[in-house]
PDB file of N, CA and C in Angstrom:
ATOM      1  N   MET A   1     165.736  82.568 136.279  1.00  0.00           N
ATOM      2  CA  MET A   1     166.512  83.545 135.567  1.00  0.00           C
ATOM      3  C   MET A   1     167.989  83.051 135.481  1.00  0.00           C
ATOM      4  N   ILE A   2     168.588  83.199 134.314  1.00  0.00           N
ATOM      5  CA  ILE A   2     170.002  82.804 134.054  1.00  0.00           C
ATOM      6  C   ILE A   2     170.782  84.129 134.220  1.00  0.00           C
ATOM      7  N   ILE A   3     171.715  84.131 135.083  1.00  0.00           N
ATOM      8  CA  ILE A   3     172.558  85.286 135.232  1.00  0.00           C
ATOM      9  C   ILE A   3     173.841  85.182 134.442  1.00  0.00           C
ATOM     10  N   ASP A   4     174.034  86.133 133.482  1.00  0.00           N
ATOM     11  CA  ASP A   4     175.215  86.142 132.687  1.00  0.00           C
ATOM     12  C   ASP A   4     176.481  86.654 133.407  1.00  0.00           C
ATOM     13  N   THR A   5     177.677  86.386 132.862  1.00  0.00           N
ATOM     14  CA  THR A   5     178.833  86.734 133.482  1.00  0.00           C
ATOM     15  C   THR A   5     178.909  88.283 133.800  1.00  0.00           C
ATOM     16  N   SER A   6     178.537  89.071 132.864  1.00  0.00           N
ATOM     17  CA  SER A   6     178.671  90.545 133.094  1.00  0.00           C
ATOM     18  C   SER A   6     177.746  90.972 134.207  1.00  0.00           C
ATOM     19  N   ALA A   7     176.512  90.454 134.273  1.00  0.00           N
ATOM     20  CA  ALA A   7     175.600  90.756 135.377  1.00  0.00           C
ATOM     21  C   ALA A   7     176.136  90.266 136.705  1.00  0.00           C
ATOM     22  N   PHE A   8     176.704  89.036 136.645  1.00  0.00           N
ATOM     23  CA  PHE A   8     177.221  88.511 137.962  1.00  0.00           C
ATOM     24  C   PHE A   8     178.342  89.310 138.525  1.00  0.00           C
ATOM     25  N   ILE A   9     179.298  89.749 137.639  1.00  0.00           N
ATOM     26  CA  ILE A   9     180.396  90.574 138.142  1.00  0.00           C
ATOM     27  C   ILE A   9     179.885  91.824 138.672  1.00  0.00           C
ATOM     28  N   GLU A  10     178.917  92.493 137.990  1.00  0.00           N
ATOM     29  CA  GLU A  10     178.328  93.760 138.541  1.00  0.00           C
ATOM     30  C   GLU A  10     177.639  93.536 139.815  1.00  0.00           C
ATOM     31  N   MET A  11     176.943  92.424 139.986  1.00  0.00           N
ATOM     32  CA  MET A  11     176.198  92.095 141.138  1.00  0.00           C
ATOM     33  C   MET A  11     177.198  92.025 142.337  1.00  0.00           C
ATOM     34  N   ILE A  12     178.249  91.350 142.150  1.00  0.00           N
ATOM     35  CA  ILE A  12     179.329  91.204 143.173  1.00  0.00           C
ATOM     36  C   ILE A  12     179.927  92.603 143.503  1.00  0.00           C
ATOM     37  N   ARG A  13     180.170  93.390 142.502  1.00  0.00           N
ATOM     38  CA  ARG A  13     180.718  94.698 142.726  1.00  0.00           C
ATOM     39  C   ARG A  13     179.782  95.663 143.634  1.00  0.00           C
ATOM     40  N   LYS A  14     178.443  95.445 143.331  1.00  0.00           N
ATOM     41  CA  LYS A  14     177.549  96.234 144.123  1.00  0.00           C
ATOM     42  C   LYS A  14     177.093  95.618 145.426  1.00  0.00           C
ATOM     43  N   GLY A  15     177.599  94.428 145.694  1.00  0.00           N
ATOM     44  CA  GLY A  15     177.233  93.673 146.968  1.00  0.00           C
ATOM     45  C   GLY A  15     175.802  93.320 146.962  1.00  0.00           C
ATOM     46  N   GLU A  16     175.208  92.986 145.828  1.00  0.00           N
ATOM     47  CA  GLU A  16     173.840  92.588 145.737  1.00  0.00           C
ATOM     48  C   GLU A  16     173.795  91.069 145.534  1.00  0.00           C
ATOM     49  N   PHE A  17     172.664  90.551 145.908  1.00  0.00           N
ATOM     50  CA  PHE A  17     172.330  89.130 145.642  1.00  0.00           C
ATOM     51  C   PHE A  17     171.057  89.038 144.800  1.00  0.00           C
ATOM     52  N   ILE A  18     171.142  88.336 143.690  1.00  0.00           N
ATOM     53  CA  ILE A  18     169.965  88.123 142.814  1.00  0.00           C
ATOM     54  C   ILE A  18     169.808  86.610 142.645  1.00  0.00           C
ATOM     55  N   GLU A  19     168.596  86.162 142.944  1.00  0.00           N
ATOM     56  CA  GLU A  19     168.328  84.735 142.844  1.00  0.00           C
ATOM     57  C   GLU A  19     168.307  84.365 141.340  1.00  0.00           C
ATOM     58  N   GLY A  20     168.957  83.262 141.031  1.00  0.00           N
ATOM     59  CA  GLY A  20     169.050  82.840 139.705  1.00  0.00           C
ATOM     60  C   GLY A  20     169.942  81.628 139.508  1.00  0.00           C
ATOM     61  N   SER A  21     170.107  81.259 138.266  1.00  0.00           N
ATOM     62  CA  SER A  21     171.050  80.166 137.953  1.00  0.00           C
ATOM     63  C   SER A  21     172.202  80.677 137.207  1.00  0.00           C
ATOM     64  N   LEU A  22     173.275  79.840 137.139  1.00  0.00           N
ATOM     65  CA  LEU A  22     174.497  80.196 136.287  1.00  0.00           C
ATOM     66  C   LEU A  22     174.790  79.064 135.376  1.00  0.00           C
ATOM     67  N   SER A  23     175.043  79.442 134.105  1.00  0.00           N
ATOM     68  CA  SER A  23     175.567  78.504 133.180  1.00  0.00           C
ATOM     69  C   SER A  23     177.021  78.058 133.759  1.00  0.00           C
ATOM     70  N   VAL A  24     177.328  76.818 133.515  1.00  0.00           N
ATOM     71  CA  VAL A  24     178.740  76.399 133.878  1.00  0.00           C
ATOM     72  C   VAL A  24     179.761  77.314 133.093  1.00  0.00           C
ATOM     73  N   ILE A  25     179.433  77.883 131.958  1.00  0.00           N
ATOM     74  CA  ILE A  25     180.323  78.816 131.267  1.00  0.00           C
ATOM     75  C   ILE A  25     180.605  80.087 132.126  1.00  0.00           C
ATOM     76  N   THR A  26     179.589  80.569 132.743  1.00  0.00           N
ATOM     77  CA  THR A  26     179.804  81.739 133.640  1.00  0.00           C
ATOM     78  C   THR A  26     180.584  81.361 134.800  1.00  0.00           C
ATOM     79  N   VAL A  27     180.509  80.230 135.394  1.00  0.00           N
ATOM     80  CA  VAL A  27     181.292  79.782 136.461  1.00  0.00           C
ATOM     81  C   VAL A  27     182.757  79.760 135.983  1.00  0.00           C
ATOM     82  N   ILE A  28     182.980  79.178 134.798  1.00  0.00           N
ATOM     83  CA  ILE A  28     184.408  79.134 134.274  1.00  0.00           C
ATOM     84  C   ILE A  28     184.958  80.531 134.045  1.00  0.00           C
ATOM     85  N   GLU A  29     184.072  81.468 133.489  1.00  0.00           N
ATOM     86  CA  GLU A  29     184.602  82.703 133.185  1.00  0.00           C
ATOM     87  C   GLU A  29     184.966  83.490 134.485  1.00  0.00           C
ATOM     88  N   ILE A  30     184.186  83.297 135.568  1.00  0.00           N
ATOM     89  CA  ILE A  30     184.384  83.936 136.862  1.00  0.00           C
ATOM     90  C   ILE A  30     185.632  83.400 137.489  1.00  0.00           C
ATOM     91  N   LEU A  31     185.704  82.067 137.465  1.00  0.00           N
ATOM     92  CA  LEU A  31     186.967  81.346 138.173  1.00  0.00           C
ATOM     93  C   LEU A  31     188.269  81.685 137.541  1.00  0.00           C
ATOM     94  N   ARG A  32     188.281  81.882 136.195  1.00  0.00           N
ATOM     95  CA  ARG A  32     189.550  82.117 135.555  1.00  0.00           C
ATOM     96  C   ARG A  32     190.131  83.479 135.894  1.00  0.00           C
ATOM     97  N   GLY A  33     189.246  84.297 136.448  1.00  0.00           N
ATOM     98  CA  GLY A  33     189.663  85.679 136.916  1.00  0.00           C
ATOM     99  C   GLY A  33     190.120  85.708 138.366  1.00  0.00           C
ATOM    100  N   VAL A  34     189.910  84.547 139.117  1.00  0.00           N
ATOM    101  CA  VAL A  34     190.159  84.539 140.491  1.00  0.00           C
ATOM    102  C   VAL A  34     191.605  84.052 140.657  1.00  0.00           C
ATOM    103  N   LYS A  35     192.263  84.531 141.675  1.00  0.00           N
ATOM    104  CA  LYS A  35     193.647  84.116 141.981  1.00  0.00           C
ATOM    105  C   LYS A  35     193.652  82.566 142.315  1.00  0.00           C
ATOM    106  N   PRO A  36     194.634  81.859 141.786  1.00  0.00           N
ATOM    107  CA  PRO A  36     194.664  80.434 141.971  1.00  0.00           C
ATOM    108  C   PRO A  36     194.419  79.954 143.485  1.00  0.00           C
ATOM    109  N   GLY A  37     195.028  80.623 144.367  1.00  0.00           N
ATOM    110  CA  GLY A  37     194.831  80.256 145.748  1.00  0.00           C
ATOM    111  C   GLY A  37     193.436  80.381 146.340  1.00  0.00           C
ATOM    112  N   LYS A  38     192.576  81.230 145.695  1.00  0.00           N
ATOM    113  CA  LYS A  38     191.206  81.475 146.122  1.00  0.00           C
ATOM    114  C   LYS A  38     190.116  80.768 145.311  1.00  0.00           C
ATOM    115  N   ARG A  39     190.490  80.145 144.250  1.00  0.00           N
ATOM    116  CA  ARG A  39     189.577  79.539 143.328  1.00  0.00           C
ATOM    117  C   ARG A  39     188.639  78.432 143.961  1.00  0.00           C
ATOM    118  N   LYS A  40     189.200  77.579 144.731  1.00  0.00           N
ATOM    119  CA  LYS A  40     188.449  76.507 145.302  1.00  0.00           C
ATOM    120  C   LYS A  40     187.360  77.073 146.287  1.00  0.00           C
ATOM    121  N   LYS A  41     187.836  78.150 147.118  1.00  0.00           N
ATOM    122  CA  LYS A  41     186.787  78.682 147.976  1.00  0.00           C
ATOM    123  C   LYS A  41     185.707  79.477 147.291  1.00  0.00           C
ATOM    124  N   VAL A  42     186.061  80.210 146.198  1.00  0.00           N
ATOM    125  CA  VAL A  42     185.091  80.888 145.447  1.00  0.00           C
ATOM    126  C   VAL A  42     184.136  79.988 144.739  1.00  0.00           C
ATOM    127  N   LYS A  43     184.704  78.943 144.116  1.00  0.00           N
ATOM    128  CA  LYS A  43     183.939  77.906 143.450  1.00  0.00           C
ATOM    129  C   LYS A  43     182.859  77.307 144.404  1.00  0.00           C
ATOM    130  N   LYS A  44     183.349  76.952 145.663  1.00  0.00           N
ATOM    131  CA  LYS A  44     182.403  76.392 146.585  1.00  0.00           C
ATOM    132  C   LYS A  44     181.286  77.340 146.985  1.00  0.00           C
ATOM    133  N   LEU A  45     181.618  78.597 147.168  1.00  0.00           N
ATOM    134  CA  LEU A  45     180.564  79.602 147.497  1.00  0.00           C
ATOM    135  C   LEU A  45     179.629  79.802 146.309  1.00  0.00           C
ATOM    136  N   ILE A  46     180.087  79.798 145.109  1.00  0.00           N
ATOM    137  CA  ILE A  46     179.144  79.916 144.025  1.00  0.00           C
ATOM    138  C   ILE A  46     178.206  78.687 143.926  1.00  0.00           C
ATOM    139  N   GLU A  47     178.778  77.496 144.085  1.00  0.00           N
ATOM    140  CA  GLU A  47     178.019  76.286 143.989  1.00  0.00           C
ATOM    141  C   GLU A  47     177.014  76.236 145.173  1.00  0.00           C
ATOM    142  N   GLU A  48     177.271  76.827 146.328  1.00  0.00           N
ATOM    143  CA  GLU A  48     176.331  76.788 147.416  1.00  0.00           C
ATOM    144  C   GLU A  48     175.244  77.779 147.215  1.00  0.00           C
ATOM    145  N   SER A  49     175.550  78.954 146.428  1.00  0.00           N
ATOM    146  CA  SER A  49     174.601  80.024 146.335  1.00  0.00           C
ATOM    147  C   SER A  49     173.690  79.970 145.059  1.00  0.00           C
ATOM    148  N   PHE A  50     174.123  79.219 144.084  1.00  0.00           N
ATOM    149  CA  PHE A  50     173.442  79.275 142.752  1.00  0.00           C
ATOM    150  C   PHE A  50     173.285  77.822 142.270  1.00  0.00           C
ATOM    151  N   GLU A  51     172.264  77.600 141.498  1.00  0.00           N
ATOM    152  CA  GLU A  51     172.056  76.400 140.694  1.00  0.00           C
ATOM    153  C   GLU A  51     173.001  76.499 139.522  1.00  0.00           C
ATOM    154  N   ILE A  52     173.943  75.630 139.315  1.00  0.00           N
ATOM    155  CA  ILE A  52     174.844  75.567 138.143  1.00  0.00           C
ATOM    156  C   ILE A  52     174.258  74.678 137.103  1.00  0.00           C
ATOM    157  N   ILE A  53     174.041  75.235 135.901  1.00  0.00           N
ATOM    158  CA  ILE A  53     173.440  74.471 134.809  1.00  0.00           C
ATOM    159  C   ILE A  53     174.523  74.023 133.859  1.00  0.00           C
ATOM    160  N   HIS A  54     174.645  72.749 133.657  1.00  0.00           N
ATOM    161  CA  HIS A  54     175.732  72.165 132.818  1.00  0.00           C
ATOM    162  C   HIS A  54     175.238  72.072 131.481  1.00  0.00           C
ATOM    163  N   ILE A  55     176.074  71.754 130.539  1.00  0.00           N
ATOM    164  CA  ILE A  55     175.744  71.743 129.082  1.00  0.00           C
ATOM    165  C   ILE A  55     175.200  70.284 128.727  1.00  0.00           C
ATOM    166  N   GLY A  56     173.842  70.180 128.766  1.00  0.00           N
ATOM    167  CA  GLY A  56     173.239  68.993 128.367  1.00  0.00           C
ATOM    168  C   GLY A  56     172.796  68.916 126.927  1.00  0.00           C
ATOM    169  N   ASN A  57     172.025  67.894 126.535  1.00  0.00           N
ATOM    170  CA  ASN A  57     171.599  67.742 125.163  1.00  0.00           C
ATOM    171  C   ASN A  57     170.727  68.857 124.744  1.00  0.00           C
ATOM    172  N   ASN A  58     169.804  69.457 125.574  1.00  0.00           N
ATOM    173  CA  ASN A  58     168.968  70.449 125.211  1.00  0.00           C
ATOM    174  C   ASN A  58     169.712  71.786 124.835  1.00  0.00           C
ATOM    175  N   VAL A  59     170.760  72.057 125.679  1.00  0.00           N
ATOM    176  CA  VAL A  59     171.553  73.219 125.444  1.00  0.00           C
ATOM    177  C   VAL A  59     172.406  73.053 124.129  1.00  0.00           C
ATOM    178  N   ILE A  60     172.935  71.914 123.933  1.00  0.00           N
ATOM    179  CA  ILE A  60     173.705  71.631 122.737  1.00  0.00           C
ATOM    180  C   ILE A  60     172.822  71.779 121.436  1.00  0.00           C
ATOM    181  N   ALA A  61     171.608  71.291 121.518  1.00  0.00           N
ATOM    182  CA  ALA A  61     170.685  71.366 120.367  1.00  0.00           C
ATOM    183  C   ALA A  61     170.376  72.871 120.041  1.00  0.00           C
ATOM    184  N   LYS A  62     170.061  73.636 121.170  1.00  0.00           N
ATOM    185  CA  LYS A  62     169.709  75.112 121.011  1.00  0.00           C
ATOM    186  C   LYS A  62     170.937  75.860 120.544  1.00  0.00           C
ATOM    187  N   TYR A  63     172.129  75.488 120.981  1.00  0.00           N
ATOM    188  CA  TYR A  63     173.338  76.169 120.419  1.00  0.00           C
ATOM    189  C   TYR A  63     173.445  75.947 119.006  1.00  0.00           C
ATOM    190  N   CYS A  64     173.314  74.746 118.524  1.00  0.00           N
ATOM    191  CA  CYS A  64     173.405  74.428 117.024  1.00  0.00           C
ATOM    192  C   CYS A  64     172.430  75.263 116.297  1.00  0.00           C
ATOM    193  N   GLU A  65     171.143  75.322 116.812  1.00  0.00           N
ATOM    194  CA  GLU A  65     170.128  76.157 116.150  1.00  0.00           C
ATOM    195  C   GLU A  65     170.495  77.530 116.019  1.00  0.00           C
ATOM    196  N   LEU A  66     170.968  78.140 117.137  1.00  0.00           N
ATOM    197  CA  LEU A  66     171.371  79.591 117.211  1.00  0.00           C
ATOM    198  C   LEU A  66     172.580  79.795 116.268  1.00  0.00           C
ATOM    199  N   TYR A  67     173.522  78.937 116.293  1.00  0.00           N
ATOM    200  CA  TYR A  67     174.726  79.046 115.489  1.00  0.00           C
ATOM    201  C   TYR A  67     174.371  79.030 113.949  1.00  0.00           C
ATOM    202  N   ASP A  68     173.508  78.088 113.606  1.00  0.00           N
ATOM    203  CA  ASP A  68     173.080  78.091 112.204  1.00  0.00           C
ATOM    204  C   ASP A  68     172.351  79.400 111.756  1.00  0.00           C
ATOM    205  N   ALA A  69     171.427  79.841 112.692  1.00  0.00           N
ATOM    206  CA  ALA A  69     170.638  80.982 112.427  1.00  0.00           C
ATOM    207  C   ALA A  69     171.524  82.214 112.190  1.00  0.00           C
ATOM    208  N   LEU A  70     172.539  82.400 113.126  1.00  0.00           N
ATOM    209  CA  LEU A  70     173.423  83.464 112.995  1.00  0.00           C
ATOM    210  C   LEU A  70     174.375  83.316 111.813  1.00  0.00           C
ATOM    211  N   LYS A  71     174.811  82.171 111.492  1.00  0.00           N
ATOM    212  CA  LYS A  71     175.719  81.967 110.355  1.00  0.00           C
ATOM    213  C   LYS A  71     174.966  82.321 109.037  1.00  0.00           C
ATOM    214  N   SER A  72     173.692  81.942 108.954  1.00  0.00           N
ATOM    215  CA  SER A  72     172.940  82.264 107.752  1.00  0.00           C
ATOM    216  C   SER A  72     172.790  83.726 107.569  1.00  0.00           C
ATOM    217  N   LYS A  73     172.860  84.480 108.539  1.00  0.00           N
ATOM    218  CA  LYS A  73     172.802  85.957 108.449  1.00  0.00           C
ATOM    219  C   LYS A  73     174.183  86.655 108.429  1.00  0.00           C
ATOM    220  N   GLY A  74     175.184  85.812 108.475  1.00  0.00           N
ATOM    221  CA  GLY A  74     176.628  86.330 108.409  1.00  0.00           C
ATOM    222  C   GLY A  74     176.975  86.974 109.733  1.00  0.00           C
ATOM    223  N   GLU A  75     176.413  86.566 110.834  1.00  0.00           N
ATOM    224  CA  GLU A  75     176.757  87.107 112.111  1.00  0.00           C
ATOM    225  C   GLU A  75     177.488  86.045 113.019  1.00  0.00           C
ATOM    226  N   HIS A  76     178.141  86.536 114.003  1.00  0.00           N
ATOM    227  CA  HIS A  76     178.876  85.694 114.860  1.00  0.00           C
ATOM    228  C   HIS A  76     178.834  86.208 116.279  1.00  0.00           C
ATOM    229  N   ILE A  77     178.707  85.348 117.270  1.00  0.00           N
ATOM    230  CA  ILE A  77     178.702  85.649 118.664  1.00  0.00           C
ATOM    231  C   ILE A  77     179.728  84.733 119.330  1.00  0.00           C
ATOM    232  N   PRO A  78     180.573  85.237 120.206  1.00  0.00           N
ATOM    233  CA  PRO A  78     181.602  84.249 120.874  1.00  0.00           C
ATOM    234  C   PRO A  78     180.857  83.106 121.445  1.00  0.00           C
ATOM    235  N   ASP A  79     181.541  81.998 121.364  1.00  0.00           N
ATOM    236  CA  ASP A  79     180.955  80.689 121.775  1.00  0.00           C
ATOM    237  C   ASP A  79     180.500  80.734 123.160  1.00  0.00           C
ATOM    238  N   ALA A  80     181.188  81.324 124.051  1.00  0.00           N
ATOM    239  CA  ALA A  80     180.795  81.369 125.504  1.00  0.00           C
ATOM    240  C   ALA A  80     179.438  82.091 125.694  1.00  0.00           C
ATOM    241  N   ASP A  81     179.199  83.181 124.980  1.00  0.00           N
ATOM    242  CA  ASP A  81     177.970  83.900 125.048  1.00  0.00           C
ATOM    243  C   ASP A  81     176.890  83.093 124.432  1.00  0.00           C
ATOM    244  N   LEU A  82     177.199  82.448 123.240  1.00  0.00           N
ATOM    245  CA  LEU A  82     176.202  81.643 122.556  1.00  0.00           C
ATOM    246  C   LEU A  82     175.733  80.437 123.450  1.00  0.00           C
ATOM    247  N   ILE A  83     176.631  79.837 124.190  1.00  0.00           N
ATOM    248  CA  ILE A  83     176.270  78.752 125.103  1.00  0.00           C
ATOM    249  C   ILE A  83     175.429  79.215 126.260  1.00  0.00           C
ATOM    250  N   ILE A  84     175.781  80.398 126.792  1.00  0.00           N
ATOM    251  CA  ILE A  84     174.978  80.957 127.855  1.00  0.00           C
ATOM    252  C   ILE A  84     173.563  81.275 127.392  1.00  0.00           C
ATOM    253  N   ALA A  85     173.499  81.902 126.182  1.00  0.00           N
ATOM    254  CA  ALA A  85     172.187  82.178 125.630  1.00  0.00           C
ATOM    255  C   ALA A  85     171.421  80.881 125.283  1.00  0.00           C
ATOM    256  N   SER A  86     172.062  79.904 124.851  1.00  0.00           N
ATOM    257  CA  SER A  86     171.431  78.580 124.576  1.00  0.00           C
ATOM    258  C   SER A  86     170.892  77.994 125.850  1.00  0.00           C
ATOM    259  N   THR A  87     171.603  78.054 126.993  1.00  0.00           N
ATOM    260  CA  THR A  87     171.208  77.613 128.234  1.00  0.00           C
ATOM    261  C   THR A  87     169.848  78.301 128.644  1.00  0.00           C
ATOM    262  N   ALA A  88     169.821  79.600 128.490  1.00  0.00           N
ATOM    263  CA  ALA A  88     168.529  80.249 128.914  1.00  0.00           C
ATOM    264  C   ALA A  88     167.378  79.843 127.922  1.00  0.00           C
ATOM    265  N   LEU A  89     167.614  79.747 126.638  1.00  0.00           N
ATOM    266  CA  LEU A  89     166.612  79.385 125.782  1.00  0.00           C
ATOM    267  C   LEU A  89     166.092  77.931 126.013  1.00  0.00           C
ATOM    268  N   ALA A  90     167.032  77.065 126.264  1.00  0.00           N
ATOM    269  CA  ALA A  90     166.751  75.583 126.435  1.00  0.00           C
ATOM    270  C   ALA A  90     165.865  75.436 127.629  1.00  0.00           C
ATOM    271  N   ARG A  91     166.019  76.332 128.627  1.00  0.00           N
ATOM    272  CA  ARG A  91     165.206  76.233 129.882  1.00  0.00           C
ATOM    273  C   ARG A  91     164.099  77.218 129.860  1.00  0.00           C
ATOM    274  N   ASN A  92     163.916  77.928 128.767  1.00  0.00           N
ATOM    275  CA  ASN A  92     162.812  78.996 128.617  1.00  0.00           C
ATOM    276  C   ASN A  92     162.830  79.988 129.838  1.00  0.00           C
ATOM    277  N   GLU A  93     164.078  80.385 130.051  1.00  0.00           N
ATOM    278  CA  GLU A  93     164.245  81.443 131.143  1.00  0.00           C
ATOM    279  C   GLU A  93     164.802  82.728 130.535  1.00  0.00           C
ATOM    280  N   THR A  94     164.633  83.788 131.296  1.00  0.00           N
ATOM    281  CA  THR A  94     165.146  85.080 130.912  1.00  0.00           C
ATOM    282  C   THR A  94     166.635  85.190 131.244  1.00  0.00           C
ATOM    283  N   LEU A  95     167.377  85.842 130.464  1.00  0.00           N
ATOM    284  CA  LEU A  95     168.835  85.998 130.649  1.00  0.00           C
ATOM    285  C   LEU A  95     169.009  87.428 131.202  1.00  0.00           C
ATOM    286  N   LEU A  96     169.609  87.456 132.440  1.00  0.00           N
ATOM    287  CA  LEU A  96     170.006  88.849 133.031  1.00  0.00           C
ATOM    288  C   LEU A  96     171.399  89.104 132.651  1.00  0.00           C
ATOM    289  N   THR A  97     171.624  90.202 131.955  1.00  0.00           N
ATOM    290  CA  THR A  97     172.860  90.580 131.389  1.00  0.00           C
ATOM    291  C   THR A  97     173.169  92.128 131.402  1.00  0.00           C
ATOM    292  N   LYS A  98     174.375  92.452 131.221  1.00  0.00           N
ATOM    293  CA  LYS A  98     174.747  93.858 130.892  1.00  0.00           C
ATOM    294  C   LYS A  98     175.332  93.940 129.445  1.00  0.00           C
ATOM    295  N   ASP A  99     175.578  92.744 128.865  1.00  0.00           N
ATOM    296  CA  ASP A  99     176.152  92.652 127.524  1.00  0.00           C
ATOM    297  C   ASP A  99     175.060  92.657 126.452  1.00  0.00           C
ATOM    298  N   ILE A 100     174.526  93.780 126.179  1.00  0.00           N
ATOM    299  CA  ILE A 100     173.432  93.857 125.238  1.00  0.00           C
ATOM    300  C   ILE A 100     173.997  93.589 123.742  1.00  0.00           C
ATOM    301  N   ARG A 101     175.241  94.004 123.555  1.00  0.00           N
ATOM    302  CA  ARG A 101     175.819  93.978 122.207  1.00  0.00           C
ATOM    303  C   ARG A 101     175.680  92.548 121.561  1.00  0.00           C
ATOM    304  N   HIS A 102     175.940  91.488 122.292  1.00  0.00           N
ATOM    305  CA  HIS A 102     175.913  90.225 121.719  1.00  0.00           C
ATOM    306  C   HIS A 102     174.510  89.557 121.887  1.00  0.00           C
ATOM    307  N   PHE A 103     173.931  89.720 122.984  1.00  0.00           N
ATOM    308  CA  PHE A 103     172.675  88.966 123.183  1.00  0.00           C
ATOM    309  C   PHE A 103     171.485  89.614 122.492  1.00  0.00           C
ATOM    310  N   ASP A 104     171.539  90.954 122.249  1.00  0.00           N
ATOM    311  CA  ASP A 104     170.454  91.633 121.521  1.00  0.00           C
ATOM    312  C   ASP A 104     170.066  90.971 120.205  1.00  0.00           C
ATOM    313  N   ARG A 105     171.075  90.483 119.556  1.00  0.00           N
ATOM    314  CA  ARG A 105     170.848  89.842 118.316  1.00  0.00           C
ATOM    315  C   ARG A 105     170.177  88.455 118.261  1.00  0.00           C
ATOM    316  N   LEU A 106     169.971  87.981 119.537  1.00  0.00           N
ATOM    317  CA  LEU A 106     169.325  86.707 119.678  1.00  0.00           C
ATOM    318  C   LEU A 106     167.846  86.918 120.165  1.00  0.00           C
ATOM    319  N   LYS A 107     167.444  88.134 120.362  1.00  0.00           N
ATOM    320  CA  LYS A 107     166.044  88.389 120.704  1.00  0.00           C
ATOM    321  C   LYS A 107     165.055  87.908 119.696  1.00  0.00           C
ATOM    322  N   ASP A 108     165.386  88.131 118.420  1.00  0.00           N
ATOM    323  CA  ASP A 108     164.420  87.651 117.313  1.00  0.00           C
ATOM    324  C   ASP A 108     164.359  86.130 117.203  1.00  0.00           C
ATOM    325  N   LEU A 109     165.297  85.484 117.911  1.00  0.00           N
ATOM    326  CA  LEU A 109     165.359  84.035 117.878  1.00  0.00           C
ATOM    327  C   LEU A 109     164.741  83.447 119.168  1.00  0.00           C
ATOM    328  N   GLY A 110     164.129  84.294 120.003  1.00  0.00           N
ATOM    329  CA  GLY A 110     163.374  83.814 121.164  1.00  0.00           C
ATOM    330  C   GLY A 110     163.988  84.094 122.536  1.00  0.00           C
ATOM    331  N   LEU A 111     165.235  84.650 122.557  1.00  0.00           N
ATOM    332  CA  LEU A 111     165.905  84.968 123.804  1.00  0.00           C
ATOM    333  C   LEU A 111     165.197  86.114 124.505  1.00  0.00           C
ATOM    334  N   LYS A 112     164.825  85.874 125.778  1.00  0.00           N
ATOM    335  CA  LYS A 112     164.285  86.953 126.624  1.00  0.00           C
ATOM    336  C   LYS A 112     165.469  87.467 127.467  1.00  0.00           C
ATOM    337  N   ILE A 113     165.552  88.807 127.371  1.00  0.00           N
ATOM    338  CA  ILE A 113     166.724  89.565 128.032  1.00  0.00           C
ATOM    339  C   ILE A 113     166.108  90.519 129.075  1.00  0.00           C
ATOM    340  N   LYS A 114     166.788  90.493 130.187  1.00  0.00           N
ATOM    341  CA  LYS A 114     166.517  91.576 131.196  1.00  0.00           C
ATOM    342  C   LYS A 114     167.872  92.293 131.385  1.00  0.00           C
ATOM    343  N   ILE A 115     167.913  93.576 131.319  1.00  0.00           N
ATOM    344  CA  ILE A 115     169.179  94.351 131.416  1.00  0.00           C
ATOM    345  C   ILE A 115     169.462  94.653 132.875  1.00  0.00           C
ATOM    346  N   TYR A 116     170.626  94.232 133.406  1.00  0.00           N
ATOM    347  CA  TYR A 116     171.030  94.487 134.732  1.00  0.00           C
ATOM    348  C   TYR A 116     171.617  95.959 134.801  1.00  0.00           C
ATOM    349  N   ALA A 117     170.987  96.739 135.587  1.00  0.00           N
ATOM    350  CA  ALA A 117     171.488  98.181 135.696  1.00  0.00           C
ATOM    351  C   ALA A 117     172.108  98.397 137.035  1.00  0.00           C
TER     352      ALA A 117
END
């Protein structure tokens, strides 16, 4: 399972731990919100606790497919969310998220979503 930024933040707030992987984009989004003096420590903790998925050729190809499909419908999703969704699709994994607004539009393109409550 790929954990989206919104689900990851909620998981931390609740003090829960869910096994899964993180897109490098989620790591970036999390770390930019951490005070500079604590970033290194938080980054290390994240890297020790989760598999971090980097943007490889499969993710890039899936991103381009999704981008083209959305563009043809006149729709747009922020690049960060589109890369996270592309990561889940490229790995054929479910995306755990609280951000239904953006990701719901990708269900008809094959994205499997689990809502984090």
